[in-house]
ModelCIF file with pLDDT and N, C-alpha, C, O atoms, coordinates in Angstrom:
data_MODEL
#
_entry.id   MODEL 
#
_entity.id                         1 
_entity.type                       polymer 
_entity.pdbx_number_of_molecules   1 
#
_entity_poly.entity_id                      1 
_entity_poly.type                           'polypeptide(L)' 
_entity_poly.nstd_linkage                   no 
_entity_poly.nstd_monomer                   no 
_entity_poly.pdbx_seq_one_letter_code       CSRMLTPAFAQALPPTNSQTETIQGTVVNSVTHEPIGRALVFSP 
_entity_poly.pdbx_seq_one_letter_code_can   CSRMLTPAFAQALPPTNSQTETIQGTVVNSVTHEPIGRALVFSP 
_entity_poly.pdbx_strand_id                 A 
#
loop_
_entity_poly_seq.entity_id 
_entity_poly_seq.num 
_entity_poly_seq.mon_id 
_entity_poly_seq.hetero 
1 1  CYS n 
1 2  SER n 
1 3  ARG n 
1 4  MET n 
1 5  LEU n 
1 6  THR n 
1 7  PRO n 
1 8  ALA n 
1 9  PHE n 
1 10 ALA n 
1 11 GLN n 
1 12 ALA n 
1 13 LEU n 
1 14 PRO n 
1 15 PRO n 
1 16 THR n 
1 17 ASN n 
1 18 SER n 
1 19 GLN n 
1 20 THR n 
1 21 GLU n 
1 22 THR n 
1 23 ILE n 
1 24 GLN n 
1 25 GLY n 
1 26 THR n 
1 27 VAL n 
1 28 VAL n 
1 29 ASN n 
1 30 SER n 
1 31 VAL n 
1 32 THR n 
1 33 HIS n 
1 34 GLU n 
1 35 PRO n 
1 36 ILE n 
1 37 GLY n 
1 38 ARG n 
1 39 ALA n 
1 40 LEU n 
1 41 VAL n 
1 42 PHE n 
1 43 SER n 
1 44 PRO n 
#
_struct_asym.id          A 
_struct_asym.entity_id   1 
#
loop_
_ma_qa_metric.id 
_ma_qa_metric.mode 
_ma_qa_metric.name 
_ma_qa_metric.software_group_id 
_ma_qa_metric.type 
1 global pLDDT . pLDDT 
2 local  pLDDT . pLDDT 
#
_ma_qa_metric_global.metric_id      1 
_ma_qa_metric_global.metric_value   73.48 
_ma_qa_metric_global.model_id       1 
_ma_qa_metric_global.ordinal_id     1 
#
loop_
_ma_qa_metric_local.label_asym_id 
_ma_qa_metric_local.label_comp_id 
_ma_qa_metric_local.label_seq_id 
_ma_qa_metric_local.metric_id 
_ma_qa_metric_local.metric_value 
_ma_qa_metric_local.model_id 
_ma_qa_metric_local.ordinal_id 
A CYS 1  2 41.00 1 1  
A SER 2  2 45.00 1 2  
A ARG 3  2 45.00 1 3  
A MET 4  2 39.00 1 4  
A LEU 5  2 38.00 1 5  
A THR 6  2 41.00 1 6  
A PRO 7  2 44.00 1 7  
A ALA 8  2 43.00 1 8  
A PHE 9  2 48.00 1 9  
A ALA 10 2 47.00 1 10 
A GLN 11 2 49.00 1 11 
A ALA 12 2 48.00 1 12 
A LEU 13 2 49.00 1 13 
A PRO 14 2 49.00 1 14 
A PRO 15 2 49.00 1 15 
A THR 16 2 49.00 1 16 
A ASN 17 2 49.00 1 17 
A SER 18 2 57.00 1 18 
A GLN 19 2 75.00 1 19 
A THR 20 2 79.00 1 20 
A GLU 21 2 81.00 1 21 
A THR 22 2 86.00 1 22 
A ILE 23 2 89.00 1 23 
A GLN 24 2 91.00 1 24 
A GLY 25 2 94.00 1 25 
A THR 26 2 96.00 1 26 
A VAL 27 2 96.00 1 27 
A VAL 28 2 96.00 1 28 
A ASN 29 2 96.00 1 29 
A SER 30 2 94.00 1 30 
A VAL 31 2 94.00 1 31 
A THR 32 2 95.00 1 32 
A HIS 33 2 95.00 1 33 
A GLU 34 2 97.00 1 34 
A PRO 35 2 97.00 1 35 
A ILE 36 2 97.00 1 36 
A GLY 37 2 97.00 1 37 
A ARG 38 2 96.00 1 38 
A ALA 39 2 96.00 1 39 
A LEU 40 2 96.00 1 40 
A VAL 41 2 95.00 1 41 
A PHE 42 2 94.00 1 42 
A SER 43 2 91.00 1 43 
A PRO 44 2 90.00 1 44 
#
loop_
_atom_site.group_PDB 
_atom_site.id 
_atom_site.type_symbol 
_atom_site.label_atom_id 
_atom_site.label_alt_id 
_atom_site.label_comp_id 
_atom_site.label_asym_id 
_atom_site.label_entity_id 
_atom_site.label_seq_id 
_atom_site.pdbx_PDB_ins_code 
_atom_site.Cartn_x 
_atom_site.Cartn_y 
_atom_site.Cartn_z 
_atom_site.occupancy 
_atom_site.B_iso_or_equiv 
_atom_site.pdbx_formal_charge 
_atom_site.auth_seq_id 
_atom_site.auth_comp_id 
_atom_site.auth_asym_id 
_atom_site.auth_atom_id 
_atom_site.pdbx_PDB_model_num 
ATOM 1   N N  . CYS A 1 1  ? -5.666  9.968  32.920  1.00 41.00 ? 1  CYS A N  1 
ATOM 2   C CA . CYS A 1 1  ? -5.806  9.033  31.793  1.00 41.00 ? 1  CYS A CA 1 
ATOM 3   C C  . CYS A 1 1  ? -6.215  9.756  30.526  1.00 41.00 ? 1  CYS A C  1 
ATOM 4   O O  . CYS A 1 1  ? -5.731  9.429  29.443  1.00 41.00 ? 1  CYS A O  1 
ATOM 5   N N  . SER A 1 2  ? -7.119  10.757 30.650  1.00 45.00 ? 2  SER A N  1 
ATOM 6   C CA . SER A 1 2  ? -7.566  11.481 29.461  1.00 45.00 ? 2  SER A CA 1 
ATOM 7   C C  . SER A 1 2  ? -6.429  12.249 28.827  1.00 45.00 ? 2  SER A C  1 
ATOM 8   O O  . SER A 1 2  ? -6.397  12.429 27.610  1.00 45.00 ? 2  SER A O  1 
ATOM 9   N N  . ARG A 1 3  ? -5.467  12.716 29.668  1.00 45.00 ? 3  ARG A N  1 
ATOM 10  C CA . ARG A 1 3  ? -4.315  13.420 29.105  1.00 45.00 ? 3  ARG A CA 1 
ATOM 11  C C  . ARG A 1 3  ? -3.342  12.468 28.447  1.00 45.00 ? 3  ARG A C  1 
ATOM 12  O O  . ARG A 1 3  ? -2.678  12.849 27.483  1.00 45.00 ? 3  ARG A O  1 
ATOM 13  N N  . MET A 1 4  ? -3.233  11.249 28.930  1.00 39.00 ? 4  MET A N  1 
ATOM 14  C CA . MET A 1 4  ? -2.279  10.275 28.390  1.00 39.00 ? 4  MET A CA 1 
ATOM 15  C C  . MET A 1 4  ? -2.779  9.630  27.128  1.00 39.00 ? 4  MET A C  1 
ATOM 16  O O  . MET A 1 4  ? -1.961  9.275  26.278  1.00 39.00 ? 4  MET A O  1 
ATOM 17  N N  . LEU A 1 5  ? -4.103  9.450  26.945  1.00 38.00 ? 5  LEU A N  1 
ATOM 18  C CA . LEU A 1 5  ? -4.660  8.748  25.781  1.00 38.00 ? 5  LEU A CA 1 
ATOM 19  C C  . LEU A 1 5  ? -4.869  9.730  24.643  1.00 38.00 ? 5  LEU A C  1 
ATOM 20  O O  . LEU A 1 5  ? -5.898  10.405 24.586  1.00 38.00 ? 5  LEU A O  1 
ATOM 21  N N  . THR A 1 6  ? -3.896  9.818  23.730  1.00 41.00 ? 6  THR A N  1 
ATOM 22  C CA . THR A 1 6  ? -3.998  10.667 22.546  1.00 41.00 ? 6  THR A CA 1 
ATOM 23  C C  . THR A 1 6  ? -3.974  9.788  21.328  1.00 41.00 ? 6  THR A C  1 
ATOM 24  O O  . THR A 1 6  ? -3.207  8.825  21.294  1.00 41.00 ? 6  THR A O  1 
ATOM 25  N N  . PRO A 1 7  ? -4.794  10.077 20.305  1.00 44.00 ? 7  PRO A N  1 
ATOM 26  C CA . PRO A 1 7  ? -4.842  9.227  19.111  1.00 44.00 ? 7  PRO A CA 1 
ATOM 27  C C  . PRO A 1 7  ? -3.538  9.279  18.339  1.00 44.00 ? 7  PRO A C  1 
ATOM 28  O O  . PRO A 1 7  ? -2.930  10.341 18.209  1.00 44.00 ? 7  PRO A O  1 
ATOM 29  N N  . ALA A 1 8  ? -3.095  8.101  17.813  1.00 43.00 ? 8  ALA A N  1 
ATOM 30  C CA . ALA A 1 8  ? -1.869  8.033  17.025  1.00 43.00 ? 8  ALA A CA 1 
ATOM 31  C C  . ALA A 1 8  ? -2.124  8.442  15.590  1.00 43.00 ? 8  ALA A C  1 
ATOM 32  O O  . ALA A 1 8  ? -1.189  8.817  14.883  1.00 43.00 ? 8  ALA A O  1 
ATOM 33  N N  . PHE A 1 9  ? -3.374  8.378  15.139  1.00 48.00 ? 9  PHE A N  1 
ATOM 34  C CA . PHE A 1 9  ? -3.697  8.702  13.751  1.00 48.00 ? 9  PHE A CA 1 
ATOM 35  C C  . PHE A 1 9  ? -5.056  9.377  13.750  1.00 48.00 ? 9  PHE A C  1 
ATOM 36  O O  . PHE A 1 9  ? -6.076  8.708  13.912  1.00 48.00 ? 9  PHE A O  1 
ATOM 37  N N  . ALA A 1 10 ? -5.086  10.656 13.574  1.00 47.00 ? 10 ALA A N  1 
ATOM 38  C CA . ALA A 1 10 ? -6.354  11.370 13.651  1.00 47.00 ? 10 ALA A CA 1 
ATOM 39  C C  . ALA A 1 10 ? -6.290  12.619 12.818  1.00 47.00 ? 10 ALA A C  1 
ATOM 40  O O  . ALA A 1 10 ? -5.211  13.125 12.509  1.00 47.00 ? 10 ALA A O  1 
ATOM 41  N N  . GLN A 1 11 ? -7.457  13.114 12.455  1.00 49.00 ? 11 GLN A N  1 
ATOM 42  C CA . GLN A 1 11 ? -7.512  14.370 11.729  1.00 49.00 ? 11 GLN A CA 1 
ATOM 43  C C  . GLN A 1 11 ? -7.075  15.500 12.650  1.00 49.00 ? 11 GLN A C  1 
ATOM 44  O O  . GLN A 1 11 ? -7.434  15.533 13.827  1.00 49.00 ? 11 GLN A O  1 
ATOM 45  N N  . ALA A 1 12 ? -6.287  16.434 12.093  1.00 48.00 ? 12 ALA A N  1 
ATOM 46  C CA . ALA A 1 12 ? -5.829  17.556 12.893  1.00 48.00 ? 12 ALA A CA 1 
ATOM 47  C C  . ALA A 1 12 ? -7.010  18.430 13.298  1.00 48.00 ? 12 ALA A C  1 
ATOM 48  O O  . ALA A 1 12 ? -7.829  18.809 12.460  1.00 48.00 ? 12 ALA A O  1 
ATOM 49  N N  . LEU A 1 13 ? -7.092  18.745 14.582  1.00 49.00 ? 13 LEU A N  1 
ATOM 50  C CA . LEU A 1 13 ? -8.186  19.564 15.078  1.00 49.00 ? 13 LEU A CA 1 
ATOM 51  C C  . LEU A 1 13 ? -7.705  21.007 15.233  1.00 49.00 ? 13 LEU A C  1 
ATOM 52  O O  . LEU A 1 13 ? -6.520  21.235 15.475  1.00 49.00 ? 13 LEU A O  1 
ATOM 53  N N  . PRO A 1 14 ? -8.594  21.972 15.099  1.00 49.00 ? 14 PRO A N  1 
ATOM 54  C CA . PRO A 1 14 ? -8.194  23.371 15.250  1.00 49.00 ? 14 PRO A CA 1 
ATOM 55  C C  . PRO A 1 14 ? -7.643  23.623 16.642  1.00 49.00 ? 14 PRO A C  1 
ATOM 56  O O  . PRO A 1 14 ? -8.309  23.293 17.624  1.00 49.00 ? 14 PRO A O  1 
ATOM 57  N N  . PRO A 1 15 ? -6.441  24.199 16.768  1.00 49.00 ? 15 PRO A N  1 
ATOM 58  C CA . PRO A 1 15 ? -5.884  24.484 18.087  1.00 49.00 ? 15 PRO A CA 1 
ATOM 59  C C  . PRO A 1 15 ? -6.619  25.636 18.758  1.00 49.00 ? 15 PRO A C  1 
ATOM 60  O O  . PRO A 1 15 ? -7.321  26.413 18.111  1.00 49.00 ? 15 PRO A O  1 
ATOM 61  N N  . THR A 1 16 ? -6.443  25.726 20.058  1.00 49.00 ? 16 THR A N  1 
ATOM 62  C CA . THR A 1 16 ? -7.099  26.794 20.798  1.00 49.00 ? 16 THR A CA 1 
ATOM 63  C C  . THR A 1 16 ? -6.468  28.151 20.492  1.00 49.00 ? 16 THR A C  1 
ATOM 64  O O  . THR A 1 16 ? -7.127  29.181 20.627  1.00 49.00 ? 16 THR A O  1 
ATOM 65  N N  . ASN A 1 17 ? -5.190  28.163 20.078  1.00 49.00 ? 17 ASN A N  1 
ATOM 66  C CA . ASN A 1 17 ? -4.536  29.406 19.719  1.00 49.00 ? 17 ASN A CA 1 
ATOM 67  C C  . ASN A 1 17 ? -5.221  30.012 18.501  1.00 49.00 ? 17 ASN A C  1 
ATOM 68  O O  . ASN A 1 17 ? -5.483  29.307 17.526  1.00 49.00 ? 17 ASN A O  1 
ATOM 69  N N  . SER A 1 18 ? -5.511  31.298 18.542  1.00 57.00 ? 18 SER A N  1 
ATOM 70  C CA . SER A 1 18 ? -6.221  31.943 17.442  1.00 57.00 ? 18 SER A CA 1 
ATOM 71  C C  . SER A 1 18 ? -5.366  32.042 16.195  1.00 57.00 ? 18 SER A C  1 
ATOM 72  O O  . SER A 1 18 ? -5.910  32.198 15.102  1.00 57.00 ? 18 SER A O  1 
ATOM 73  N N  . GLN A 1 19 ? -4.027  31.957 16.316  1.00 75.00 ? 19 GLN A N  1 
ATOM 74  C CA . GLN A 1 19 ? -3.138  32.028 15.169  1.00 75.00 ? 19 GLN A CA 1 
ATOM 75  C C  . GLN A 1 19 ? -3.022  30.644 14.545  1.00 75.00 ? 19 GLN A C  1 
ATOM 76  O O  . GLN A 1 19 ? -2.228  29.821 15.002  1.00 75.00 ? 19 GLN A O  1 
ATOM 77  N N  . THR A 1 20 ? -3.796  30.387 13.518  1.00 79.00 ? 20 THR A N  1 
ATOM 78  C CA . THR A 1 20 ? -3.812  29.091 12.851  1.00 79.00 ? 20 THR A CA 1 
ATOM 79  C C  . THR A 1 20 ? -3.660  29.257 11.351  1.00 79.00 ? 20 THR A C  1 
ATOM 80  O O  . THR A 1 20 ? -3.822  30.351 10.811  1.00 79.00 ? 20 THR A O  1 
ATOM 81  N N  . GLU A 1 21 ? -3.347  28.157 10.691  1.00 81.00 ? 21 GLU A N  1 
ATOM 82  C CA . GLU A 1 21 ? -3.293  28.111 9.233   1.00 81.00 ? 21 GLU A CA 1 
ATOM 83  C C  . GLU A 1 21 ? -3.871  26.783 8.788   1.00 81.00 ? 21 GLU A C  1 
ATOM 84  O O  . GLU A 1 21 ? -3.912  25.819 9.553   1.00 81.00 ? 21 GLU A O  1 
ATOM 85  N N  . THR A 1 22 ? -4.308  26.743 7.568   1.00 86.00 ? 22 THR A N  1 
ATOM 86  C CA . THR A 1 22 ? -4.919  25.522 7.038   1.00 86.00 ? 22 THR A CA 1 
ATOM 87  C C  . THR A 1 22 ? -4.193  25.061 5.797   1.00 86.00 ? 22 THR A C  1 
ATOM 88  O O  . THR A 1 22 ? -3.670  25.863 5.022   1.00 86.00 ? 22 THR A O  1 
ATOM 89  N N  . ILE A 1 23 ? -4.171  23.753 5.625   1.00 89.00 ? 23 ILE A N  1 
ATOM 90  C CA . ILE A 1 23 ? -3.702  23.129 4.385   1.00 89.00 ? 23 ILE A CA 1 
ATOM 91  C C  . ILE A 1 23 ? -4.906  22.441 3.779   1.00 89.00 ? 23 ILE A C  1 
ATOM 92  O O  . ILE A 1 23 ? -5.520  21.581 4.411   1.00 89.00 ? 23 ILE A O  1 
ATOM 93  N N  . GLN A 1 24 ? -5.240  22.808 2.579   1.00 91.00 ? 24 GLN A N  1 
ATOM 94  C CA . GLN A 1 24 ? -6.416  22.232 1.948   1.00 91.00 ? 24 GLN A CA 1 
ATOM 95  C C  . GLN A 1 24 ? -6.123  21.894 0.490   1.00 91.00 ? 24 GLN A C  1 
ATOM 96  O O  . GLN A 1 24 ? -5.170  22.393 -0.109  1.00 91.00 ? 24 GLN A O  1 
ATOM 97  N N  . GLY A 1 25 ? -6.959  21.044 -0.053  1.00 94.00 ? 25 GLY A N  1 
ATOM 98  C CA . GLY A 1 25 ? -6.754  20.645 -1.425  1.00 94.00 ? 25 GLY A CA 1 
ATOM 99  C C  . GLY A 1 25 ? -7.836  19.706 -1.895  1.00 94.00 ? 25 GLY A C  1 
ATOM 100 O O  . GLY A 1 25 ? -8.866  19.540 -1.242  1.00 94.00 ? 25 GLY A O  1 
ATOM 101 N N  . THR A 1 26 ? -7.586  19.085 -3.054  1.00 96.00 ? 26 THR A N  1 
ATOM 102 C CA . THR A 1 26 ? -8.555  18.199 -3.678  1.00 96.00 ? 26 THR A CA 1 
ATOM 103 C C  . THR A 1 26 ? -7.841  16.971 -4.220  1.00 96.00 ? 26 THR A C  1 
ATOM 104 O O  . THR A 1 26 ? -6.745  17.073 -4.773  1.00 96.00 ? 26 THR A O  1 
ATOM 105 N N  . VAL A 1 27 ? -8.462  15.821 -4.061  1.00 96.00 ? 27 VAL A N  1 
ATOM 106 C CA . VAL A 1 27 ? -7.953  14.578 -4.649  1.00 96.00 ? 27 VAL A CA 1 
ATOM 107 C C  . VAL A 1 27 ? -8.729  14.339 -5.941  1.00 96.00 ? 27 VAL A C  1 
ATOM 108 O O  . VAL A 1 27 ? -9.960  14.342 -5.951  1.00 96.00 ? 27 VAL A O  1 
ATOM 109 N N  . VAL A 1 28 ? -7.981  14.130 -7.042  1.00 96.00 ? 28 VAL A N  1 
ATOM 110 C CA . VAL A 1 28 ? -8.631  13.996 -8.346  1.00 96.00 ? 28 VAL A CA 1 
ATOM 111 C C  . VAL A 1 28 ? -8.157  12.729 -9.055  1.00 96.00 ? 28 VAL A C  1 
ATOM 112 O O  . VAL A 1 28 ? -7.100  12.178 -8.747  1.00 96.00 ? 28 VAL A O  1 
ATOM 113 N N  . ASN A 1 29 ? -8.965  12.287 -10.009 1.00 96.00 ? 29 ASN A N  1 
ATOM 114 C CA . ASN A 1 29 ? -8.634  11.176 -10.899 1.00 96.00 ? 29 ASN A CA 1 
ATOM 115 C C  . ASN A 1 29 ? -7.655  11.696 -11.949 1.00 96.00 ? 29 ASN A C  1 
ATOM 116 O O  . ASN A 1 29 ? -7.966  12.648 -12.664 1.00 96.00 ? 29 ASN A O  1 
ATOM 117 N N  . SER A 1 30 ? -6.476  11.081 -12.047 1.00 94.00 ? 30 SER A N  1 
ATOM 118 C CA . SER A 1 30 ? -5.444  11.583 -12.953 1.00 94.00 ? 30 SER A CA 1 
ATOM 119 C C  . SER A 1 30 ? -5.819  11.433 -14.420 1.00 94.00 ? 30 SER A C  1 
ATOM 120 O O  . SER A 1 30 ? -5.226  12.092 -15.275 1.00 94.00 ? 30 SER A O  1 
ATOM 121 N N  . VAL A 1 31 ? -6.797  10.574 -14.731 1.00 94.00 ? 31 VAL A N  1 
ATOM 122 C CA . VAL A 1 31 ? -7.210  10.356 -16.113 1.00 94.00 ? 31 VAL A CA 1 
ATOM 123 C C  . VAL A 1 31 ? -8.366  11.274 -16.488 1.00 94.00 ? 31 VAL A C  1 
ATOM 124 O O  . VAL A 1 31 ? -8.314  11.956 -17.512 1.00 94.00 ? 31 VAL A O  1 
ATOM 125 N N  . THR A 1 32 ? -9.406  11.294 -15.665 1.00 95.00 ? 32 THR A N  1 
ATOM 126 C CA . THR A 1 32 ? -10.598 12.096 -15.974 1.00 95.00 ? 32 THR A CA 1 
ATOM 127 C C  . THR A 1 32 ? -10.556 13.482 -15.339 1.00 95.00 ? 32 THR A C  1 
ATOM 128 O O  . THR A 1 32 ? -11.327 14.365 -15.714 1.00 95.00 ? 32 THR A O  1 
ATOM 129 N N  . HIS A 1 33 ? -9.641  13.672 -14.365 1.00 95.00 ? 33 HIS A N  1 
ATOM 130 C CA . HIS A 1 33 ? -9.516  14.922 -13.612 1.00 95.00 ? 33 HIS A CA 1 
ATOM 131 C C  . HIS A 1 33 ? -10.758 15.233 -12.772 1.00 95.00 ? 33 HIS A C  1 
ATOM 132 O O  . HIS A 1 33 ? -10.942 16.368 -12.334 1.00 95.00 ? 33 HIS A O  1 
ATOM 133 N N  . GLU A 1 34 ? -11.595 14.242 -12.551 1.00 97.00 ? 34 GLU A N  1 
ATOM 134 C CA . GLU A 1 34 ? -12.764 14.414 -11.703 1.00 97.00 ? 34 GLU A CA 1 
ATOM 135 C C  . GLU A 1 34 ? -12.367 14.244 -10.240 1.00 97.00 ? 34 GLU A C  1 
ATOM 136 O O  . GLU A 1 34 ? -11.463 13.466 -9.937  1.00 97.00 ? 34 GLU A O  1 
ATOM 137 N N  . PRO A 1 35 ? -13.033 14.964 -9.323  1.00 97.00 ? 35 PRO A N  1 
ATOM 138 C CA . PRO A 1 35 ? -12.721 14.808 -7.891  1.00 97.00 ? 35 PRO A CA 1 
ATOM 139 C C  . PRO A 1 35 ? -13.110 13.427 -7.390  1.00 97.00 ? 35 PRO A C  1 
ATOM 140 O O  . PRO A 1 35 ? -14.043 12.806 -7.898  1.00 97.00 ? 35 PRO A O  1 
ATOM 141 N N  . ILE A 1 36 ? -12.381 12.954 -6.384  1.00 97.00 ? 36 ILE A N  1 
ATOM 142 C CA . ILE A 1 36 ? -12.609 11.622 -5.821  1.00 97.00 ? 36 ILE A CA 1 
ATOM 143 C C  . ILE A 1 36 ? -13.075 11.787 -4.379  1.00 97.00 ? 36 ILE A C  1 
ATOM 144 O O  . ILE A 1 36 ? -12.321 12.239 -3.517  1.00 97.00 ? 36 ILE A O  1 
ATOM 145 N N  . GLY A 1 37 ? -14.322 11.415 -4.132  1.00 97.00 ? 37 GLY A N  1 
ATOM 146 C CA . GLY A 1 37 ? -14.858 11.492 -2.785  1.00 97.00 ? 37 GLY A CA 1 
ATOM 147 C C  . GLY A 1 37 ? -14.502 10.274 -1.957  1.00 97.00 ? 37 GLY A C  1 
ATOM 148 O O  . GLY A 1 37 ? -14.226 9.203  -2.498  1.00 97.00 ? 37 GLY A O  1 
ATOM 149 N N  . ARG A 1 38 ? -14.509 10.439 -0.642  1.00 96.00 ? 38 ARG A N  1 
ATOM 150 C CA . ARG A 1 38 ? -14.223 9.361  0.321   1.00 96.00 ? 38 ARG A CA 1 
ATOM 151 C C  . ARG A 1 38 ? -12.856 8.735  0.107   1.00 96.00 ? 38 ARG A C  1 
ATOM 152 O O  . ARG A 1 38 ? -12.684 7.527  0.273   1.00 96.00 ? 38 ARG A O  1 
ATOM 153 N N  . ALA A 1 39 ? -11.883 9.563  -0.265  1.00 96.00 ? 39 ALA A N  1 
ATOM 154 C CA . ALA A 1 39 ? -10.495 9.103  -0.343  1.00 96.00 ? 39 ALA A CA 1 
ATOM 155 C C  . ALA A 1 39 ? -9.787  9.461  0.958   1.00 96.00 ? 39 ALA A C  1 
ATOM 156 O O  . ALA A 1 39 ? -10.076 10.495 1.561   1.00 96.00 ? 39 ALA A O  1 
ATOM 157 N N  . LEU A 1 40 ? -8.877  8.624  1.385   1.00 96.00 ? 40 LEU A N  1 
ATOM 158 C CA . LEU A 1 40 ? -8.116  8.881  2.612   1.00 96.00 ? 40 LEU A CA 1 
ATOM 159 C C  . LEU A 1 40 ? -6.892  9.714  2.270   1.00 96.00 ? 40 LEU A C  1 
ATOM 160 O O  . LEU A 1 40 ? -6.084  9.327  1.426   1.00 96.00 ? 40 LEU A O  1 
ATOM 161 N N  . VAL A 1 41 ? -6.760  10.866 2.931   1.00 95.00 ? 41 VAL A N  1 
ATOM 162 C CA . VAL A 1 41 ? -5.574  11.715 2.816   1.00 95.00 ? 41 VAL A CA 1 
ATOM 163 C C  . VAL A 1 41 ? -4.829  11.635 4.137   1.00 95.00 ? 41 VAL A C  1 
ATOM 164 O O  . VAL A 1 41 ? -5.420  11.858 5.194   1.00 95.00 ? 41 VAL A O  1 
ATOM 165 N N  . PHE A 1 42 ? -3.544  11.321 4.092   1.00 94.00 ? 42 PHE A N  1 
ATOM 166 C CA . PHE A 1 42 ? -2.815  11.067 5.337   1.00 94.00 ? 42 PHE A CA 1 
ATOM 167 C C  . PHE A 1 42 ? -1.352  11.438 5.176   1.00 94.00 ? 42 PHE A C  1 
ATOM 168 O O  . PHE A 1 42 ? -0.840  11.573 4.065   1.00 94.00 ? 42 PHE A O  1 
ATOM 169 N N  . SER A 1 43 ? -0.694  11.598 6.320   1.00 91.00 ? 43 SER A N  1 
ATOM 170 C CA . SER A 1 43 ? 0.742   11.834 6.333   1.00 91.00 ? 43 SER A CA 1 
ATOM 171 C C  . SER A 1 43 ? 1.457   10.485 6.381   1.00 91.00 ? 43 SER A C  1 
ATOM 172 O O  . SER A 1 43 ? 0.957   9.548  7.003   1.00 91.00 ? 43 SER A O  1 
ATOM 173 N N  . PRO A 1 44 ? 2.630   10.370 5.728   1.00 90.00 ? 44 PRO A N  1 
ATOM 174 C CA . PRO A 1 44 ? 3.341   9.081  5.699   1.00 90.00 ? 44 PRO A CA 1 
ATOM 175 C C  . PRO A 1 44 ? 3.687   8.535  7.080   1.00 90.00 ? 44 PRO A C  1 
ATOM 176 O O  . PRO A 1 44 ? 4.282   7.463  7.189   1.00 90.00 ? 44 PRO A O  1 
#
């Protein structure tokens, strides 16, 4: 059951393989250019 129950929408977790890469960035206000905290970033 633990192998079958995988989340459909979750933050990507670091894989066990040591060869990894990261995608990172910042969400900002387009008018003030200030960063926006507690914003949801997601794939379509």
